[in-house]
Amino acid sequence: MAKTKTDKLDLNAHPMGAASDDAVVMTERLRRHLGYLGLTQTLSTLDDLLAWATRERPGHTALLEHVLGAEVDHKSAARLDRRIRVSGLVERKTLEAFNWDFQPSLDKSLVLELARLDFVGRHDDLVITGKSGTGKSHVLKALGLRACVQGISLRYARCVDLLADLHAGLADGTYARRLKAWARPDFLVIDDVGLGQVRQRDDEPTAAHTLFNLVDRRHGKLSTAVTSNIDLRQWGRYLGDATVAAAILDRLAMHAIRIDIDGPSYRQHVAAERAGKAPASDAPAA
C-alpha cells in the first residue's frame, strides 16, 4: 500500500513544474498581445522586463508606468528619426556644438532666441548671409533639427537640389505636385543660394521664376529660411533674371530676420590647423 501511495505522489504532484508551464504559456500569450498591439519595444525587451519585475517587485502602478514609459520613449525617438529622415536633413547639427568664440560677429543671444522657433509660428522668414564656411548652414541645420524635435514639419534642401527637383517635374509632368510638396511644410530651409550650377535652358522657366513660384506661395503664410553665399544683389545673375530675383527678395525681406556673418571660414581654419599654422579649436561652425 505504501508503494502504491508513493506512486500516486510521483505521478500527480508536480507543483513547480506546473507553475513553470503556466508561466511559459502566459509569457507566450503576452508576446502575442504585444505583437497585436504593436508594442514592439516592450516585445523586444520582454525577458529583461520580466526579470526586472521579478527582481525589483515594483507596485502595479510603478510596473505599468515603467513599461509604458519605455514604449513612449521608443516611439517618440522613432518618430523623430522619421521626421528628420523625411525632412532631407542629413546632418544633425546642434547649436551646442557651434564654436561661438571662433565667430564673434554672430549674435549668440539672437540665434538662441531664434532656436525657440517662435518666428516659425509667426510665419516670419530668415535670411542668413556670409562667406562660405562661416557657419550659416550649421545654424540653419540646428534650427531645423529643433523643429523636428518640436514636431514642426520641415523640409531642407540646398538651393540647386530644390531647383533641380522642380525642373525634373517639368519634364515628367509632376511639377504641380512637387511644387505643392515643397510649399507645404511649416518650415522650409533653402541652403547655399549661390553655390552650384543652376539649370539654364531656353525652353524652361529660369531658376528665378521657379524659386519665385515657391516663395510666393509661402509668403506670409509659412516660414522660409535661406542662406546665401553671395551678395543678395547678385541673385539676379545667379538665378537668371534680375527682376524676378528682386521680387523674391522683396517677399523674403517683408517678414525677414536678417543675419550677416562677417567672419573667417572655419574650414580654412581647420585646414590651416592641420598644416600646423593655427591653434586648435573646440568645435566646427561649418
C-alpha atoms as a PDB file:
ATOM      1  CA  MET A   1       0.000   0.000   0.000  1.00  0.00           C
ATOM      2  CA  ALA A   2       2.839   2.292   0.844  1.00  0.00           C
ATOM      3  CA  LYS A   3       4.342   1.724  -2.553  1.00  0.00           C
ATOM      4  CA  THR A   4       1.033   2.464  -4.287  1.00  0.00           C
ATOM      5  CA  LYS A   5       0.706   5.725  -2.347  1.00  0.00           C
ATOM      6  CA  THR A   6       4.203   6.739  -3.349  1.00  0.00           C
ATOM      7  CA  ASP A   7       3.439   6.052  -6.988  1.00  0.00           C
ATOM      8  CA  LYS A   8       0.409   8.334  -6.822  1.00  0.00           C
ATOM      9  CA  LEU A   9       2.511  11.131  -5.378  1.00  0.00           C
ATOM     10  CA  ASP A  10       5.131  10.724  -8.098  1.00  0.00           C
ATOM     11  CA  LEU A  11       2.576  10.845 -10.889  1.00  0.00           C
ATOM     12  CA  ASN A  12       0.363  13.706  -9.796  1.00  0.00           C
ATOM     13  CA  ALA A  13       2.248  16.089  -7.525  1.00  0.00           C
ATOM     14  CA  HIS A  14       4.416  18.464  -9.636  1.00  0.00           C
ATOM     15  CA  PRO A  15       3.642  21.952  -8.302  1.00  0.00           C
ATOM     16  CA  MET A  16       6.886  23.562  -9.520  1.00  0.00           C
ATOM     17  CA  GLY A  17       6.629  22.050 -12.988  1.00  0.00           C
ATOM     18  CA  ALA A  18       3.006  23.107 -13.349  1.00  0.00           C
ATOM     19  CA  ALA A  19       3.815  26.662 -12.259  1.00  0.00           C
ATOM     20  CA  SER A  20       6.691  26.788 -14.741  1.00  0.00           C
ATOM     21  CA  ASP A  21       4.467  25.545 -17.566  1.00  0.00           C
ATOM     22  CA  ASP A  22       1.817  28.137 -16.706  1.00  0.00           C
ATOM     23  CA  ALA A  23       4.439  30.905 -16.798  1.00  0.00           C
ATOM     24  CA  VAL A  24       5.640  29.799 -20.242  1.00  0.00           C
ATOM     25  CA  VAL A  25       2.091  29.730 -21.600  1.00  0.00           C
ATOM     26  CA  MET A  26       1.318  33.146 -20.109  1.00  0.00           C
ATOM     27  CA  THR A  27       4.541  34.639 -21.480  1.00  0.00           C
ATOM     28  CA  GLU A  28       3.724  33.401 -24.976  1.00  0.00           C
ATOM     29  CA  ARG A  29       0.229  34.854 -24.712  1.00  0.00           C
ATOM     30  CA  LEU A  30       1.776  38.127 -23.569  1.00  0.00           C
ATOM     31  CA  ARG A  31       4.079  38.135 -26.588  1.00  0.00           C
ATOM     32  CA  ARG A  32       1.097  37.676 -28.909  1.00  0.00           C
ATOM     33  CA  HIS A  33      -0.776  40.509 -27.201  1.00  0.00           C
ATOM     34  CA  LEU A  34       2.183  42.845 -27.515  1.00  0.00           C
ATOM     35  CA  GLY A  35       2.674  41.956 -31.173  1.00  0.00           C
ATOM     36  CA  TYR A  36      -1.003  42.529 -31.947  1.00  0.00           C
ATOM     37  CA  LEU A  37      -0.945  45.925 -30.222  1.00  0.00           C
ATOM     38  CA  GLY A  38       2.263  46.934 -31.987  1.00  0.00           C
ATOM     39  CA  LEU A  39       4.183  47.468 -28.728  1.00  0.00           C
ATOM     40  CA  THR A  40       7.431  46.486 -30.375  1.00  0.00           C
ATOM     41  CA  GLN A  41       9.792  47.925 -27.776  1.00  0.00           C
ATOM     42  CA  THR A  42       8.138  46.036 -24.916  1.00  0.00           C
ATOM     43  CA  LEU A  43       8.051  42.867 -27.026  1.00  0.00           C
ATOM     44  CA  SER A  44      11.767  43.057 -27.846  1.00  0.00           C
ATOM     45  CA  THR A  45      12.740  43.609 -24.192  1.00  0.00           C
ATOM     46  CA  LEU A  46      10.125  41.396 -22.551  1.00  0.00           C
ATOM     47  CA  ASP A  47      12.573  38.950 -20.982  1.00  0.00           C
ATOM     48  CA  ASP A  48      14.543  41.801 -19.415  1.00  0.00           C
ATOM     49  CA  LEU A  49      11.346  43.450 -18.189  1.00  0.00           C
ATOM     50  CA  LEU A  50      10.118  40.233 -16.564  1.00  0.00           C
ATOM     51  CA  ALA A  51      13.492  39.721 -14.914  1.00  0.00           C
ATOM     52  CA  TRP A  52      13.432  43.329 -13.636  1.00  0.00           C
ATOM     53  CA  ALA A  53       9.901  42.920 -12.274  1.00  0.00           C
ATOM     54  CA  THR A  54      10.848  39.672 -10.533  1.00  0.00           C
ATOM     55  CA  ARG A  55      13.937  41.237  -9.015  1.00  0.00           C
ATOM     56  CA  GLU A  56      12.595  44.660  -8.036  1.00  0.00           C
ATOM     57  CA  ARG A  57       8.975  43.679  -7.301  1.00  0.00           C
ATOM     58  CA  PRO A  58       7.520  47.124  -8.158  1.00  0.00           C
ATOM     59  CA  GLY A  59       3.941  48.014  -7.359  1.00  0.00           C
ATOM     60  CA  HIS A  60       1.332  47.630 -10.063  1.00  0.00           C
ATOM     61  CA  THR A  61       1.286  51.325 -10.897  1.00  0.00           C
ATOM     62  CA  ALA A  62       5.088  51.567 -10.981  1.00  0.00           C
ATOM     63  CA  LEU A  63       5.326  48.493 -13.203  1.00  0.00           C
ATOM     64  CA  LEU A  64       2.781  49.850 -15.677  1.00  0.00           C
ATOM     65  CA  GLU A  65       4.457  53.269 -15.762  1.00  0.00           C
ATOM     66  CA  HIS A  66       7.862  51.664 -16.324  1.00  0.00           C
ATOM     67  CA  VAL A  67       6.633  49.587 -19.254  1.00  0.00           C
ATOM     68  CA  LEU A  68       4.563  52.301 -20.928  1.00  0.00           C
ATOM     69  CA  GLY A  69       7.212  54.967 -20.336  1.00  0.00           C
ATOM     70  CA  ALA A  70       9.813  52.897 -22.167  1.00  0.00           C
ATOM     71  CA  GLU A  71       7.360  52.309 -25.012  1.00  0.00           C
ATOM     72  CA  VAL A  72       6.587  56.031 -25.308  1.00  0.00           C
ATOM     73  CA  ASP A  73      10.295  56.923 -25.327  1.00  0.00           C
ATOM     74  CA  HIS A  74      10.945  54.370 -28.068  1.00  0.00           C
ATOM     75  CA  LYS A  75       8.063  55.525 -30.244  1.00  0.00           C
ATOM     76  CA  SER A  76       8.987  59.201 -29.744  1.00  0.00           C
ATOM     77  CA  ALA A  77      12.563  58.521 -30.833  1.00  0.00           C
ATOM     78  CA  ALA A  78      11.369  56.546 -33.864  1.00  0.00           C
ATOM     79  CA  ARG A  79       9.003  59.331 -34.898  1.00  0.00           C
ATOM     80  CA  LEU A  80      11.769  61.914 -34.518  1.00  0.00           C
ATOM     81  CA  ASP A  81      14.098  59.813 -36.676  1.00  0.00           C
ATOM     82  CA  ARG A  82      11.400  59.561 -39.317  1.00  0.00           C
ATOM     83  CA  ARG A  83      10.711  63.321 -39.263  1.00  0.00           C
ATOM     84  CA  ILE A  84      14.416  64.022 -39.705  1.00  0.00           C
ATOM     85  CA  ARG A  85      14.763  61.455 -42.496  1.00  0.00           C
ATOM     86  CA  VAL A  86      11.713  62.738 -44.392  1.00  0.00           C
ATOM     87  CA  SER A  87      12.842  66.360 -43.973  1.00  0.00           C
ATOM     88  CA  GLY A  88      16.004  65.809 -46.007  1.00  0.00           C
ATOM     89  CA  LEU A  89      18.165  66.946 -43.098  1.00  0.00           C
ATOM     90  CA  VAL A  90      21.130  64.602 -43.407  1.00  0.00           C
ATOM     91  CA  GLU A  91      23.489  66.223 -40.911  1.00  0.00           C
ATOM     92  CA  ARG A  92      22.243  66.587 -37.340  1.00  0.00           C
ATOM     93  CA  LYS A  93      23.972  69.819 -36.394  1.00  0.00           C
ATOM     94  CA  THR A  94      23.370  71.337 -32.951  1.00  0.00           C
ATOM     95  CA  LEU A  95      23.879  74.804 -31.519  1.00  0.00           C
ATOM     96  CA  GLU A  96      25.646  73.210 -28.564  1.00  0.00           C
ATOM     97  CA  ALA A  97      28.407  72.147 -30.972  1.00  0.00           C
ATOM     98  CA  PHE A  98      28.747  75.582 -32.578  1.00  0.00           C
ATOM     99  CA  ASN A  99      32.045  77.365 -31.949  1.00  0.00           C
ATOM    100  CA  TRP A 100      30.778  80.766 -30.847  1.00  0.00           C
ATOM    101  CA  ASP A 101      34.257  82.011 -29.903  1.00  0.00           C
ATOM    102  CA  PHE A 102      35.532  81.441 -33.429  1.00  0.00           C
ATOM    103  CA  GLN A 103      32.711  83.559 -34.923  1.00  0.00           C
ATOM    104  CA  PRO A 104      32.331  86.530 -32.516  1.00  0.00           C
ATOM    105  CA  SER A 105      30.439  88.649 -35.071  1.00  0.00           C
ATOM    106  CA  LEU A 106      27.473  86.295 -34.796  1.00  0.00           C
ATOM    107  CA  ASP A 107      24.976  87.410 -32.138  1.00  0.00           C
ATOM    108  CA  LYS A 108      24.659  84.320 -29.950  1.00  0.00           C
ATOM    109  CA  SER A 109      21.707  85.665 -27.999  1.00  0.00           C
ATOM    110  CA  LEU A 110      19.778  86.299 -31.222  1.00  0.00           C
ATOM    111  CA  VAL A 111      20.440  82.787 -32.528  1.00  0.00           C
ATOM    112  CA  LEU A 112      19.389  81.221 -29.222  1.00  0.00           C
ATOM    113  CA  GLU A 113      16.219  83.307 -29.334  1.00  0.00           C
ATOM    114  CA  LEU A 114      15.570  82.033 -32.861  1.00  0.00           C
ATOM    115  CA  ALA A 115      16.105  78.485 -31.576  1.00  0.00           C
ATOM    116  CA  ARG A 116      12.813  78.799 -29.696  1.00  0.00           C
ATOM    117  CA  LEU A 117      11.257  78.842 -33.195  1.00  0.00           C
ATOM    118  CA  ASP A 118       8.662  81.452 -32.279  1.00  0.00           C
ATOM    119  CA  PHE A 119       9.404  83.084 -35.641  1.00  0.00           C
ATOM    120  CA  VAL A 120       8.115  79.957 -37.382  1.00  0.00           C
ATOM    121  CA  GLY A 121       4.821  80.335 -35.568  1.00  0.00           C
ATOM    122  CA  ARG A 122       4.696  83.983 -36.663  1.00  0.00           C
ATOM    123  CA  HIS A 123       5.422  82.941 -40.283  1.00  0.00           C
ATOM    124  CA  ASP A 124       8.499  85.157 -40.349  1.00  0.00           C
ATOM    125  CA  ASP A 125      11.319  84.399 -42.764  1.00  0.00           C
ATOM    126  CA  LEU A 126      15.038  84.192 -42.014  1.00  0.00           C
ATOM    127  CA  VAL A 127      17.898  85.197 -44.304  1.00  0.00           C
ATOM    128  CA  ILE A 128      21.498  84.455 -43.317  1.00  0.00           C
ATOM    129  CA  THR A 129      24.324  85.756 -45.482  1.00  0.00           C
ATOM    130  CA  GLY A 130      28.084  85.411 -45.297  1.00  0.00           C
ATOM    131  CA  LYS A 131      31.064  83.834 -46.961  1.00  0.00           C
ATOM    132  CA  SER A 132      31.376  80.074 -47.292  1.00  0.00           C
ATOM    133  CA  GLY A 133      32.401  78.316 -44.089  1.00  0.00           C
ATOM    134  CA  THR A 134      31.193  80.975 -41.654  1.00  0.00           C
ATOM    135  CA  GLY A 135      28.529  78.795 -40.026  1.00  0.00           C
ATOM    136  CA  LYS A 136      25.358  79.705 -41.933  1.00  0.00           C
ATOM    137  CA  SER A 137      24.393  76.140 -42.742  1.00  0.00           C
ATOM    138  CA  HIS A 138      25.299  74.932 -39.263  1.00  0.00           C
ATOM    139  CA  VAL A 139      22.885  77.421 -37.711  1.00  0.00           C
ATOM    140  CA  LEU A 140      20.018  76.570 -40.068  1.00  0.00           C
ATOM    141  CA  LYS A 141      20.525  72.825 -39.761  1.00  0.00           C
ATOM    142  CA  ALA A 142      20.495  73.184 -35.971  1.00  0.00           C
ATOM    143  CA  LEU A 143      17.252  75.173 -36.152  1.00  0.00           C
ATOM    144  CA  GLY A 144      15.840  72.533 -38.472  1.00  0.00           C
ATOM    145  CA  LEU A 145      16.755  69.774 -36.041  1.00  0.00           C
ATOM    146  CA  ARG A 146      14.994  71.627 -33.236  1.00  0.00           C
ATOM    147  CA  ALA A 147      11.952  71.983 -35.458  1.00  0.00           C
ATOM    148  CA  CYS A 148      11.862  68.218 -35.907  1.00  0.00           C
ATOM    149  CA  VAL A 149      12.162  67.734 -32.134  1.00  0.00           C
ATOM    150  CA  GLN A 150       9.216  70.075 -31.602  1.00  0.00           C
ATOM    151  CA  GLY A 151       7.114  68.287 -34.199  1.00  0.00           C
ATOM    152  CA  ILE A 152       7.210  71.184 -36.690  1.00  0.00           C
ATOM    153  CA  SER A 153       7.095  69.941 -40.282  1.00  0.00           C
ATOM    154  CA  LEU A 154      10.409  70.675 -42.012  1.00  0.00           C
ATOM    155  CA  ARG A 155      11.898  70.379 -45.486  1.00  0.00           C
ATOM    156  CA  TYR A 156      15.584  71.051 -46.045  1.00  0.00           C
ATOM    157  CA  ALA A 157      17.443  71.278 -49.348  1.00  0.00           C
ATOM    158  CA  ARG A 158      20.336  73.010 -50.990  1.00  0.00           C
ATOM    159  CA  CYS A 159      19.046  75.567 -53.465  1.00  0.00           C
ATOM    160  CA  VAL A 160      20.435  73.723 -56.512  1.00  0.00           C
ATOM    161  CA  ASP A 161      18.849  70.444 -55.407  1.00  0.00           C
ATOM    162  CA  LEU A 162      15.462  72.044 -54.794  1.00  0.00           C
ATOM    163  CA  LEU A 163      15.516  73.738 -58.210  1.00  0.00           C
ATOM    164  CA  ALA A 164      16.645  70.501 -59.877  1.00  0.00           C
ATOM    165  CA  ASP A 165      13.720  68.653 -58.321  1.00  0.00           C
ATOM    166  CA  LEU A 166      11.221  71.233 -59.561  1.00  0.00           C
ATOM    167  CA  HIS A 167      12.746  71.287 -63.053  1.00  0.00           C
ATOM    168  CA  ALA A 168      12.505  67.484 -63.151  1.00  0.00           C
ATOM    169  CA  GLY A 169       8.789  67.947 -62.583  1.00  0.00           C
ATOM    170  CA  LEU A 170       8.583  69.989 -65.780  1.00  0.00           C
ATOM    171  CA  ALA A 171       9.983  67.039 -67.711  1.00  0.00           C
ATOM    172  CA  ASP A 172       7.749  64.307 -66.274  1.00  0.00           C
ATOM    173  CA  GLY A 173       4.541  66.284 -65.700  1.00  0.00           C
ATOM    174  CA  THR A 174       4.790  66.298 -61.910  1.00  0.00           C
ATOM    175  CA  TYR A 175       5.738  69.947 -61.463  1.00  0.00           C
ATOM    176  CA  ALA A 176       2.478  70.975 -59.775  1.00  0.00           C
ATOM    177  CA  ARG A 177       2.663  68.087 -57.306  1.00  0.00           C
ATOM    178  CA  ARG A 178       6.317  68.761 -56.484  1.00  0.00           C
ATOM    179  CA  LEU A 179       5.713  72.487 -56.043  1.00  0.00           C
ATOM    180  CA  LYS A 180       2.829  71.764 -53.685  1.00  0.00           C
ATOM    181  CA  ALA A 181       5.012  69.404 -51.641  1.00  0.00           C
ATOM    182  CA  TRP A 182       7.787  71.987 -51.263  1.00  0.00           C
ATOM    183  CA  ALA A 183       5.241  74.685 -50.381  1.00  0.00           C
ATOM    184  CA  ARG A 184       3.555  72.592 -47.672  1.00  0.00           C
ATOM    185  CA  PRO A 185       5.951  72.389 -44.648  1.00  0.00           C
ATOM    186  CA  ASP A 186       5.727  74.817 -41.743  1.00  0.00           C
ATOM    187  CA  PHE A 187       9.461  75.487 -42.027  1.00  0.00           C
ATOM    188  CA  LEU A 188      11.372  75.363 -45.316  1.00  0.00           C
ATOM    189  CA  VAL A 189      15.157  75.706 -45.323  1.00  0.00           C
ATOM    190  CA  ILE A 190      16.815  76.637 -48.630  1.00  0.00           C
ATOM    191  CA  ASP A 191      20.541  76.361 -48.111  1.00  0.00           C
ATOM    192  CA  ASP A 192      23.526  77.639 -50.102  1.00  0.00           C
ATOM    193  CA  VAL A 193      21.994  80.029 -52.622  1.00  0.00           C
ATOM    194  CA  GLY A 194      24.924  80.884 -54.867  1.00  0.00           C
ATOM    195  CA  LEU A 195      26.675  77.526 -54.718  1.00  0.00           C
ATOM    196  CA  GLY A 196      26.347  75.029 -57.552  1.00  0.00           C
ATOM    197  CA  GLN A 197      25.272  75.452 -61.152  1.00  0.00           C
ATOM    198  CA  VAL A 198      21.557  76.039 -61.744  1.00  0.00           C
ATOM    199  CA  ARG A 199      19.895  74.891 -64.968  1.00  0.00           C
ATOM    200  CA  GLN A 200      19.550  77.446 -67.724  1.00  0.00           C
ATOM    201  CA  ARG A 201      17.517  76.245 -70.729  1.00  0.00           C
ATOM    202  CA  ASP A 202      15.668  78.408 -73.227  1.00  0.00           C
ATOM    203  CA  ASP A 203      12.611  76.143 -73.252  1.00  0.00           C
ATOM    204  CA  GLU A 204      12.179  76.207 -69.449  1.00  0.00           C
ATOM    205  CA  PRO A 205      11.462  78.899 -66.847  1.00  0.00           C
ATOM    206  CA  THR A 206      14.549  80.432 -65.302  1.00  0.00           C
ATOM    207  CA  ALA A 207      15.670  79.337 -61.856  1.00  0.00           C
ATOM    208  CA  ALA A 208      14.426  82.724 -60.667  1.00  0.00           C
ATOM    209  CA  HIS A 209      10.883  82.045 -61.916  1.00  0.00           C
ATOM    210  CA  THR A 210      10.902  78.568 -60.374  1.00  0.00           C
ATOM    211  CA  LEU A 211      12.069  79.824 -56.990  1.00  0.00           C
ATOM    212  CA  PHE A 212       9.652  82.767 -57.148  1.00  0.00           C
ATOM    213  CA  ASN A 213       6.678  80.439 -57.574  1.00  0.00           C
ATOM    214  CA  LEU A 214       7.653  78.611 -54.404  1.00  0.00           C
ATOM    215  CA  VAL A 215       8.455  81.677 -52.288  1.00  0.00           C
ATOM    216  CA  ASP A 216       5.309  83.455 -53.451  1.00  0.00           C
ATOM    217  CA  ARG A 217       3.121  80.518 -52.401  1.00  0.00           C
ATOM    218  CA  ARG A 218       4.599  80.561 -48.911  1.00  0.00           C
ATOM    219  CA  HIS A 219       4.808  84.326 -48.496  1.00  0.00           C
ATOM    220  CA  GLY A 220       3.102  85.495 -45.300  1.00  0.00           C
ATOM    221  CA  LYS A 221       1.687  82.015 -44.634  1.00  0.00           C
ATOM    222  CA  LEU A 222       4.650  79.823 -43.724  1.00  0.00           C
ATOM    223  CA  SER A 223       8.247  80.358 -42.643  1.00  0.00           C
ATOM    224  CA  THR A 224      11.141  80.119 -45.096  1.00  0.00           C
ATOM    225  CA  ALA A 225      14.823  80.315 -44.152  1.00  0.00           C
ATOM    226  CA  VAL A 226      17.574  80.955 -46.670  1.00  0.00           C
ATOM    227  CA  THR A 227      21.353  81.064 -46.576  1.00  0.00           C
ATOM    228  CA  SER A 228      23.266  82.860 -49.299  1.00  0.00           C
ATOM    229  CA  ASN A 229      26.966  82.624 -50.072  1.00  0.00           C
ATOM    230  CA  ILE A 230      26.737  85.555 -52.488  1.00  0.00           C
ATOM    231  CA  ASP A 231      25.642  89.135 -52.030  1.00  0.00           C
ATOM    232  CA  LEU A 232      21.888  89.463 -52.389  1.00  0.00           C
ATOM    233  CA  ARG A 233      22.440  91.887 -55.266  1.00  0.00           C
ATOM    234  CA  GLN A 234      23.996  89.003 -57.223  1.00  0.00           C
ATOM    235  CA  TRP A 235      20.911  86.781 -57.034  1.00  0.00           C
ATOM    236  CA  GLY A 236      19.644  88.056 -60.383  1.00  0.00           C
ATOM    237  CA  ARG A 237      22.754  86.930 -62.238  1.00  0.00           C
ATOM    238  CA  TYR A 238      22.848  83.597 -60.391  1.00  0.00           C
ATOM    239  CA  LEU A 239      19.158  82.778 -60.858  1.00  0.00           C
ATOM    240  CA  GLY A 240      18.933  84.076 -64.412  1.00  0.00           C
ATOM    241  CA  ASP A 241      16.533  87.021 -64.057  1.00  0.00           C
ATOM    242  CA  ALA A 242      17.282  90.173 -62.064  1.00  0.00           C
ATOM    243  CA  THR A 243      13.681  91.413 -61.999  1.00  0.00           C
ATOM    244  CA  VAL A 244      12.224  88.153 -60.695  1.00  0.00           C
ATOM    245  CA  ALA A 245      15.098  87.730 -58.234  1.00  0.00           C
ATOM    246  CA  ALA A 246      14.277  91.179 -56.858  1.00  0.00           C
ATOM    247  CA  ALA A 247      10.656  90.073 -56.428  1.00  0.00           C
ATOM    248  CA  ILE A 248      11.827  87.019 -54.463  1.00  0.00           C
ATOM    249  CA  LEU A 249      13.951  89.152 -52.151  1.00  0.00           C
ATOM    250  CA  ASP A 250      11.135  91.672 -51.774  1.00  0.00           C
ATOM    251  CA  ARG A 251       8.846  88.944 -50.425  1.00  0.00           C
ATOM    252  CA  LEU A 252      11.507  87.461 -48.174  1.00  0.00           C
ATOM    253  CA  ALA A 253      12.504  90.875 -46.820  1.00  0.00           C
ATOM    254  CA  MET A 254       8.955  91.846 -45.852  1.00  0.00           C
ATOM    255  CA  HIS A 255       8.855  89.468 -42.887  1.00  0.00           C
ATOM    256  CA  ALA A 256      12.525  88.537 -42.663  1.00  0.00           C
ATOM    257  CA  ILE A 257      15.009  88.396 -39.843  1.00  0.00           C
ATOM    258  CA  ARG A 258      18.408  89.253 -41.323  1.00  0.00           C
ATOM    259  CA  ILE A 259      21.728  87.908 -40.078  1.00  0.00           C
ATOM    260  CA  ASP A 260      25.064  88.601 -41.761  1.00  0.00           C
ATOM    261  CA  ILE A 261      28.053  86.622 -40.513  1.00  0.00           C
ATOM    262  CA  ASP A 262      31.123  88.705 -41.213  1.00  0.00           C
ATOM    263  CA  GLY A 263      33.908  86.384 -40.210  1.00  0.00           C
ATOM    264  CA  PRO A 264      36.531  83.873 -41.344  1.00  0.00           C
ATOM    265  CA  SER A 265      35.931  80.426 -42.783  1.00  0.00           C
ATOM    266  CA  TYR A 266      36.085  77.622 -40.254  1.00  0.00           C
ATOM    267  CA  ARG A 267      37.012  75.146 -42.974  1.00  0.00           C
ATOM    268  CA  GLN A 268      40.061  77.196 -43.886  1.00  0.00           C
ATOM    269  CA  HIS A 269      40.888  77.420 -40.189  1.00  0.00           C
ATOM    270  CA  VAL A 270      40.761  73.631 -39.865  1.00  0.00           C
ATOM    271  CA  ALA A 271      42.915  73.220 -42.965  1.00  0.00           C
ATOM    272  CA  ALA A 272      45.487  75.633 -41.543  1.00  0.00           C
ATOM    273  CA  GLU A 273      45.343  73.894 -38.179  1.00  0.00           C
ATOM    274  CA  ARG A 274      46.087  70.551 -39.777  1.00  0.00           C
ATOM    275  CA  ALA A 275      49.018  72.119 -41.564  1.00  0.00           C
ATOM    276  CA  GLY A 276      50.322  73.340 -38.225  1.00  0.00           C
ATOM    277  CA  LYS A 277      49.601  77.011 -38.893  1.00  0.00           C
ATOM    278  CA  ALA A 278      46.884  77.687 -36.349  1.00  0.00           C
ATOM    279  CA  PRO A 279      45.945  76.686 -32.797  1.00  0.00           C
ATOM    280  CA  ALA A 280      43.297  74.017 -32.200  1.00  0.00           C
ATOM    281  CA  SER A 281      39.663  74.991 -31.703  1.00  0.00           C
ATOM    282  CA  ASP A 282      36.825  73.200 -29.960  1.00  0.00           C
ATOM    283  CA  ALA A 283      34.005  72.618 -32.407  1.00  0.00           C
ATOM    284  CA  PRO A 284      33.132  73.331 -36.027  1.00  0.00           C
ATOM    285  CA  ALA A 285      30.938  76.147 -37.249  1.00  0.00           C
ATOM    286  CA  ALA A 286      30.509  74.648 -40.710  1.00  0.00           C
END
